[in-house]
All heavy atoms as atom14 arrays in JSON, in Angstrom:
{
  "sequence": "IIVATPGRLWDLISEVRLRACRLEHLRYLVIDEA",
  "atom14_mask": [
    [1, 1, 1, 1, 1, 1, 1, 1, 0, 0, 0, 0, 0, 0],
    [1, 1, 1, 1, 1, 1, 1, 1, 0, 0, 0, 0, 0, 0],
    [1, 1, 1, 1, 1, 1, 1, 0, 0, 0, 0, 0, 0, 0],
    [1, 1, 1, 1, 1, 0, 0, 0, 0, 0, 0, 0, 0, 0],
    [1, 1, 1, 1, 1, 1, 1, 0, 0, 0, 0, 0, 0, 0],
    [1, 1, 1, 1, 1, 1, 1, 0, 0, 0, 0, 0, 0, 0],
    [1, 1, 1, 1, 0, 0, 0, 0, 0, 0, 0, 0, 0, 0],
    [1, 1, 1, 1, 1, 1, 1, 1, 1, 1, 1, 0, 0, 0],
    [1, 1, 1, 1, 1, 1, 1, 1, 0, 0, 0, 0, 0, 0],
    [1, 1, 1, 1, 1, 1, 1, 1, 1, 1, 1, 1, 1, 1],
    [1, 1, 1, 1, 1, 1, 1, 1, 0, 0, 0, 0, 0, 0],
    [1, 1, 1, 1, 1, 1, 1, 1, 0, 0, 0, 0, 0, 0],
    [1, 1, 1, 1, 1, 1, 1, 1, 0, 0, 0, 0, 0, 0],
    [1, 1, 1, 1, 1, 1, 0, 0, 0, 0, 0, 0, 0, 0],
    [1, 1, 1, 1, 1, 1, 1, 1, 1, 0, 0, 0, 0, 0],
    [1, 1, 1, 1, 1, 1, 1, 0, 0, 0, 0, 0, 0, 0],
    [1, 1, 1, 1, 1, 1, 1, 1, 1, 1, 1, 0, 0, 0],
    [1, 1, 1, 1, 1, 1, 1, 1, 0, 0, 0, 0, 0, 0],
    [1, 1, 1, 1, 1, 1, 1, 1, 1, 1, 1, 0, 0, 0],
    [1, 1, 1, 1, 1, 0, 0, 0, 0, 0, 0, 0, 0, 0],
    [1, 1, 1, 1, 1, 1, 0, 0, 0, 0, 0, 0, 0, 0],
    [1, 1, 1, 1, 1, 1, 1, 1, 1, 1, 1, 0, 0, 0],
    [1, 1, 1, 1, 1, 1, 1, 1, 0, 0, 0, 0, 0, 0],
    [1, 1, 1, 1, 1, 1, 1, 1, 1, 0, 0, 0, 0, 0],
    [1, 1, 1, 1, 1, 1, 1, 1, 1, 1, 0, 0, 0, 0],
    [1, 1, 1, 1, 1, 1, 1, 1, 0, 0, 0, 0, 0, 0],
    [1, 1, 1, 1, 1, 1, 1, 1, 1, 1, 1, 0, 0, 0],
    [1, 1, 1, 1, 1, 1, 1, 1, 1, 1, 1, 1, 0, 0],
    [1, 1, 1, 1, 1, 1, 1, 1, 0, 0, 0, 0, 0, 0],
    [1, 1, 1, 1, 1, 1, 1, 0, 0, 0, 0, 0, 0, 0],
    [1, 1, 1, 1, 1, 1, 1, 1, 0, 0, 0, 0, 0, 0],
    [1, 1, 1, 1, 1, 1, 1, 1, 0, 0, 0, 0, 0, 0],
    [1, 1, 1, 1, 1, 1, 1, 1, 1, 0, 0, 0, 0, 0],
    [1, 1, 1, 1, 1, 0, 0, 0, 0, 0, 0, 0, 0, 0]
  ],
  "atom14_positions": [
    [[128.14, 136.95, 96.25], [128.99, 135.89, 96.79], [128.11, 134.81, 97.42], [127.21, 135.12, 98.2], [129.97, 136.44, 97.85], [130.87, 137.52, 97.24], [130.83, 135.32, 98.43], [131.79, 138.2, 98.24], [0.0, 0.0, 0.0], [0.0, 0.0, 0.0], [0.0, 0.0, 0.0], [0.0, 0.0, 0.0], [0.0, 0.0, 0.0], [0.0, 0.0, 0.0]],
    [[128.36, 133.56, 97.05], [127.64, 132.42, 97.62], [128.65, 131.52, 98.32], [129.65, 131.11, 97.72], [126.89, 131.62, 96.54], [125.84, 132.5, 95.85], [126.23, 130.39, 97.14], [125.14, 131.81, 94.69], [0.0, 0.0, 0.0], [0.0, 0.0, 0.0], [0.0, 0.0, 0.0], [0.0, 0.0, 0.0], [0.0, 0.0, 0.0], [0.0, 0.0, 0.0]],
    [[128.41, 131.24, 99.59], [129.23, 130.3, 100.37], [128.35, 129.08, 100.65], [127.25, 129.23, 101.2], [129.73, 130.93, 101.68], [130.74, 130.01, 102.34], [130.31, 132.3, 101.44], [0.0, 0.0, 0.0], [0.0, 0.0, 0.0], [0.0, 0.0, 0.0], [0.0, 0.0, 0.0], [0.0, 0.0, 0.0], [0.0, 0.0, 0.0], [0.0, 0.0, 0.0]],
    [[128.81, 127.88, 100.3], [127.9, 126.74, 100.33], [128.63, 125.44, 100.62], [129.83, 125.3, 100.37], [127.16, 126.62, 98.99], [0.0, 0.0, 0.0], [0.0, 0.0, 0.0], [0.0, 0.0, 0.0], [0.0, 0.0, 0.0], [0.0, 0.0, 0.0], [0.0, 0.0, 0.0], [0.0, 0.0, 0.0], [0.0, 0.0, 0.0], [0.0, 0.0, 0.0]],
    [[127.86, 124.47, 101.14], [128.3, 123.08, 101.15], [127.83, 122.44, 99.83], [126.75, 122.79, 99.33], [127.69, 122.32, 102.34], [126.26, 122.51, 102.34], [128.26, 122.83, 103.65], [0.0, 0.0, 0.0], [0.0, 0.0, 0.0], [0.0, 0.0, 0.0], [0.0, 0.0, 0.0], [0.0, 0.0, 0.0], [0.0, 0.0, 0.0], [0.0, 0.0, 0.0]],
    [[128.61, 121.54, 99.26], [128.24, 120.99, 97.95], [126.89, 120.3, 97.92], [126.16, 120.39, 96.93], [129.38, 120.01, 97.65], [130.53, 120.47, 98.47], [129.93, 121.04, 99.72], [0.0, 0.0, 0.0], [0.0, 0.0, 0.0], [0.0, 0.0, 0.0], [0.0, 0.0, 0.0], [0.0, 0.0, 0.0], [0.0, 0.0, 0.0], [0.0, 0.0, 0.0]],
    [[126.52, 119.6, 99.02], [125.26, 118.84, 99.02], [124.04, 119.72, 98.83], [123.23, 119.49, 97.93], [0.0, 0.0, 0.0], [0.0, 0.0, 0.0], [0.0, 0.0, 0.0], [0.0, 0.0, 0.0], [0.0, 0.0, 0.0], [0.0, 0.0, 0.0], [0.0, 0.0, 0.0], [0.0, 0.0, 0.0], [0.0, 0.0, 0.0], [0.0, 0.0, 0.0]],
    [[123.89, 120.75, 99.67], [122.71, 121.6, 99.55], [122.74, 122.43, 98.27], [121.7, 122.66, 97.65], [122.63, 122.52, 100.79], [121.53, 123.58, 100.72], [120.15, 123.02, 100.38], [119.67, 122.07, 101.34], [118.97, 122.41, 102.43], [118.72, 123.67, 102.7], [118.54, 121.47, 103.24], [0.0, 0.0, 0.0], [0.0, 0.0, 0.0], [0.0, 0.0, 0.0]],
    [[123.92, 122.87, 97.86], [124.01, 123.65, 96.63], [123.53, 122.83, 95.43], [122.76, 123.33, 94.6], [125.45, 124.11, 96.4], [125.69, 124.99, 95.17], [124.92, 126.29, 95.27], [127.17, 125.26, 94.98], [0.0, 0.0, 0.0], [0.0, 0.0, 0.0], [0.0, 0.0, 0.0], [0.0, 0.0, 0.0], [0.0, 0.0, 0.0], [0.0, 0.0, 0.0]],
    [[123.95, 121.58, 95.34], [123.52, 120.74, 94.22], [122.04, 120.42, 94.31], [121.36, 120.31, 93.28], [124.35, 119.47, 94.15], [123.95, 118.59, 93.0], [123.35, 117.38, 93.04], [124.1, 118.91, 91.62], [123.12, 116.9, 91.79], [123.57, 117.81, 90.88], [124.64, 119.99, 90.92], [123.56, 117.79, 89.5], [124.62, 119.96, 89.53], [124.1, 118.87, 88.84]],
    [[121.51, 120.26, 95.51], [120.08, 120.03, 95.66], [119.28, 121.19, 95.06], [118.29, 120.98, 94.34], [119.71, 119.87, 97.14], [120.17, 118.53, 97.7], [120.46, 117.63, 96.89], [120.25, 118.39, 98.93], [0.0, 0.0, 0.0], [0.0, 0.0, 0.0], [0.0, 0.0, 0.0], [0.0, 0.0, 0.0], [0.0, 0.0, 0.0], [0.0, 0.0, 0.0]],
    [[119.69, 122.4, 95.33], [118.98, 123.57, 94.81], [119.12, 123.66, 93.3], [118.17, 124.04, 92.6], [119.5, 124.84, 95.47], [119.2, 124.99, 96.96], [119.83, 126.25, 97.52], [117.71, 125.01, 97.21], [0.0, 0.0, 0.0], [0.0, 0.0, 0.0], [0.0, 0.0, 0.0], [0.0, 0.0, 0.0], [0.0, 0.0, 0.0], [0.0, 0.0, 0.0]],
    [[120.3, 123.32, 92.77], [120.49, 123.37, 91.32], [119.65, 122.29, 90.63], [118.93, 122.56, 89.66], [121.97, 123.19, 90.96], [122.78, 124.39, 91.45], [122.14, 123.02, 89.45], [124.26, 124.25, 91.22], [0.0, 0.0, 0.0], [0.0, 0.0, 0.0], [0.0, 0.0, 0.0], [0.0, 0.0, 0.0], [0.0, 0.0, 0.0], [0.0, 0.0, 0.0]],
    [[119.72, 121.06, 91.13], [119.03, 119.94, 90.47], [117.52, 120.04, 90.59], [116.8, 119.52, 89.74], [119.53, 118.61, 91.05], [119.27, 118.55, 92.45], [0.0, 0.0, 0.0], [0.0, 0.0, 0.0], [0.0, 0.0, 0.0], [0.0, 0.0, 0.0], [0.0, 0.0, 0.0], [0.0, 0.0, 0.0], [0.0, 0.0, 0.0], [0.0, 0.0, 0.0]],
    [[117.03, 120.71, 91.63], [115.59, 120.88, 91.79], [115.08, 122.16, 91.15], [113.97, 122.6, 91.38], [115.24, 120.88, 93.28], [115.47, 119.53, 93.96], [115.16, 119.56, 95.43], [114.57, 120.56, 95.88], [115.51, 118.6, 96.13], [0.0, 0.0, 0.0], [0.0, 0.0, 0.0], [0.0, 0.0, 0.0], [0.0, 0.0, 0.0], [0.0, 0.0, 0.0]],
    [[115.91, 122.79, 90.33], [115.55, 123.99, 89.56], [115.07, 125.1, 90.49], [114.1, 125.78, 90.21], [114.47, 123.67, 88.49], [114.47, 124.74, 87.41], [114.7, 122.31, 87.86], [0.0, 0.0, 0.0], [0.0, 0.0, 0.0], [0.0, 0.0, 0.0], [0.0, 0.0, 0.0], [0.0, 0.0, 0.0], [0.0, 0.0, 0.0], [0.0, 0.0, 0.0]],
    [[115.75, 125.26, 91.59], [115.41, 126.36, 92.49], [116.43, 127.48, 92.45], [116.18, 128.56, 92.96], [115.31, 125.84, 93.93], [114.12, 124.94, 94.18], [114.13, 124.46, 95.6], [112.97, 123.63, 95.91], [112.81, 122.98, 97.06], [113.72, 123.07, 97.99], [111.74, 122.24, 97.26], [0.0, 0.0, 0.0], [0.0, 0.0, 0.0], [0.0, 0.0, 0.0]],
    [[117.6, 127.22, 91.87], [118.7, 128.15, 91.99], [118.88, 128.94, 90.7], [119.82, 128.75, 89.97], [119.99, 127.41, 92.34], [121.2, 128.27, 92.72], [120.87, 129.19, 93.86], [122.38, 127.4, 93.07], [0.0, 0.0, 0.0], [0.0, 0.0, 0.0], [0.0, 0.0, 0.0], [0.0, 0.0, 0.0], [0.0, 0.0, 0.0], [0.0, 0.0, 0.0]],
    [[117.97, 129.85, 90.4], [118.15, 130.66, 89.21], [119.18, 131.76, 89.45], [119.66, 132.38, 88.5], [116.83, 131.29, 88.78], [116.38, 132.49, 89.6], [115.09, 133.04, 89.03], [114.59, 134.17, 89.77], [114.9, 135.42, 89.51], [115.74, 135.7, 88.55], [114.38, 136.41, 90.22], [0.0, 0.0, 0.0], [0.0, 0.0, 0.0], [0.0, 0.0, 0.0]],
    [[119.51, 132.02, 90.74], [120.46, 133.08, 91.05], [121.91, 132.62, 90.97], [122.81, 133.38, 91.22], [120.18, 133.64, 92.44], [0.0, 0.0, 0.0], [0.0, 0.0, 0.0], [0.0, 0.0, 0.0], [0.0, 0.0, 0.0], [0.0, 0.0, 0.0], [0.0, 0.0, 0.0], [0.0, 0.0, 0.0], [0.0, 0.0, 0.0], [0.0, 0.0, 0.0]],
    [[122.14, 131.35, 90.64], [123.51, 130.85, 90.63], [124.33, 131.54, 89.54], [125.47, 131.9, 89.75], [123.52, 129.34, 90.43], [125.11, 128.58, 90.75], [0.0, 0.0, 0.0], [0.0, 0.0, 0.0], [0.0, 0.0, 0.0], [0.0, 0.0, 0.0], [0.0, 0.0, 0.0], [0.0, 0.0, 0.0], [0.0, 0.0, 0.0], [0.0, 0.0, 0.0]],
    [[123.79, 131.71, 88.34], [124.41, 132.47, 87.26], [125.86, 132.08, 87.03], [126.77, 132.89, 87.05], [124.31, 133.98, 87.57], [122.89, 134.49, 87.65], [122.79, 135.75, 88.49], [123.0, 135.45, 89.89], [123.75, 136.19, 90.7], [124.35, 137.25, 90.24], [123.89, 135.86, 91.95], [0.0, 0.0, 0.0], [0.0, 0.0, 0.0], [0.0, 0.0, 0.0]],
    [[126.07, 130.78, 86.84], [127.43, 130.27, 86.75], [128.18, 130.8, 85.53], [129.41, 130.77, 85.52], [127.39, 128.74, 86.7], [126.82, 128.06, 87.96], [126.77, 126.56, 87.77], [127.65, 128.42, 89.19], [0.0, 0.0, 0.0], [0.0, 0.0, 0.0], [0.0, 0.0, 0.0], [0.0, 0.0, 0.0], [0.0, 0.0, 0.0], [0.0, 0.0, 0.0]],
    [[127.47, 131.27, 84.52], [128.16, 131.76, 83.33], [128.91, 133.06, 83.61], [129.77, 133.46, 82.83], [127.17, 131.96, 82.18], [126.21, 133.15, 82.35], [125.0, 132.77, 83.18], [125.01, 131.7, 83.81], [124.03, 133.54, 83.2], [0.0, 0.0, 0.0], [0.0, 0.0, 0.0], [0.0, 0.0, 0.0], [0.0, 0.0, 0.0], [0.0, 0.0, 0.0]],
    [[128.6, 133.73, 84.71], [129.27, 134.98, 85.05], [130.22, 134.82, 86.24], [130.68, 135.81, 86.8], [128.24, 136.06, 85.38], [127.26, 136.3, 84.27], [127.62, 136.83, 83.06], [125.93, 136.04, 84.17], [126.57, 136.91, 82.27], [125.52, 136.43, 82.92], [0.0, 0.0, 0.0], [0.0, 0.0, 0.0], [0.0, 0.0, 0.0], [0.0, 0.0, 0.0]],
    [[130.49, 133.58, 86.65], [131.33, 133.33, 87.82], [132.76, 133.8, 87.56], [133.37, 133.47, 86.56], [131.33, 131.83, 88.15], [132.17, 131.39, 89.34], [131.63, 132.02, 90.61], [132.17, 129.88, 89.45], [0.0, 0.0, 0.0], [0.0, 0.0, 0.0], [0.0, 0.0, 0.0], [0.0, 0.0, 0.0], [0.0, 0.0, 0.0], [0.0, 0.0, 0.0]],
    [[133.28, 134.58, 88.5], [134.64, 135.11, 88.36], [135.64, 134.39, 89.27], [136.79, 134.22, 88.9], [134.65, 136.61, 88.66], [133.86, 137.45, 87.66], [133.9, 138.91, 88.04], [135.27, 139.42, 88.06], [135.59, 140.63, 88.5], [134.66, 141.44, 88.96], [136.86, 141.02, 88.49], [0.0, 0.0, 0.0], [0.0, 0.0, 0.0], [0.0, 0.0, 0.0]],
    [[135.22, 134.01, 90.47], [136.13, 133.37, 91.42], [135.49, 132.09, 91.92], [134.36, 132.09, 92.4], [136.42, 134.29, 92.62], [137.06, 135.59, 92.26], [136.3, 136.74, 92.12], [138.44, 135.69, 92.05], [136.88, 137.95, 91.79], [139.03, 136.89, 91.73], [138.25, 138.02, 91.6], [138.83, 139.21, 91.26], [0.0, 0.0, 0.0], [0.0, 0.0, 0.0]],
    [[136.22, 130.99, 91.83], [135.8, 129.71, 92.37], [136.75, 129.32, 93.48], [137.97, 129.25, 93.26], [135.78, 128.64, 91.28], [135.54, 127.2, 91.76], [134.13, 127.08, 92.35], [135.73, 126.21, 90.62], [0.0, 0.0, 0.0], [0.0, 0.0, 0.0], [0.0, 0.0, 0.0], [0.0, 0.0, 0.0], [0.0, 0.0, 0.0], [0.0, 0.0, 0.0]],
    [[136.22, 129.06, 94.67], [137.05, 128.7, 95.82], [136.58, 127.34, 96.35], [135.39, 127.16, 96.63], [136.94, 129.75, 96.94], [137.83, 129.39, 98.12], [137.28, 131.14, 96.41], [0.0, 0.0, 0.0], [0.0, 0.0, 0.0], [0.0, 0.0, 0.0], [0.0, 0.0, 0.0], [0.0, 0.0, 0.0], [0.0, 0.0, 0.0], [0.0, 0.0, 0.0]],
    [[137.51, 126.41, 96.47], [137.22, 125.11, 97.06], [138.1, 124.98, 98.3], [139.29, 124.7, 98.2], [137.48, 123.95, 96.07], [136.69, 124.18, 94.78], [137.11, 122.62, 96.7], [136.98, 123.16, 93.7], [0.0, 0.0, 0.0], [0.0, 0.0, 0.0], [0.0, 0.0, 0.0], [0.0, 0.0, 0.0], [0.0, 0.0, 0.0], [0.0, 0.0, 0.0]],
    [[137.52, 125.23, 99.46], [138.27, 125.21, 100.7], [138.28, 123.79, 101.28], [137.34, 123.03, 101.07], [137.64, 126.18, 101.7], [138.55, 126.45, 102.88], [139.75, 126.17, 102.77], [138.05, 126.94, 103.91], [0.0, 0.0, 0.0], [0.0, 0.0, 0.0], [0.0, 0.0, 0.0], [0.0, 0.0, 0.0], [0.0, 0.0, 0.0], [0.0, 0.0, 0.0]],
    [[139.33, 123.47, 102.0], [139.51, 122.13, 102.56], [139.35, 121.07, 101.46], [138.67, 120.05, 101.63], [138.5, 121.87, 103.69], [138.54, 122.89, 104.81], [139.82, 122.82, 105.62], [140.57, 121.84, 105.46], [140.07, 123.73, 106.42], [0.0, 0.0, 0.0], [0.0, 0.0, 0.0], [0.0, 0.0, 0.0], [0.0, 0.0, 0.0], [0.0, 0.0, 0.0]],
    [[140.02, 121.32, 100.34], [139.83, 120.45, 99.17], [140.34, 119.04, 99.41], [139.84, 118.09, 98.8], [140.52, 121.06, 97.95], [0.0, 0.0, 0.0], [0.0, 0.0, 0.0], [0.0, 0.0, 0.0], [0.0, 0.0, 0.0], [0.0, 0.0, 0.0], [0.0, 0.0, 0.0], [0.0, 0.0, 0.0], [0.0, 0.0, 0.0], [0.0, 0.0, 0.0]]
  ]
}
């Protein structure tokens, strides 16, 4: 489970640091305070 703010999460993805994100296996997506 990853709980994140969009800004830092995208920084890690775009800087090729987030190999653990594994979005192809994502089962639940939660957008709180949408």
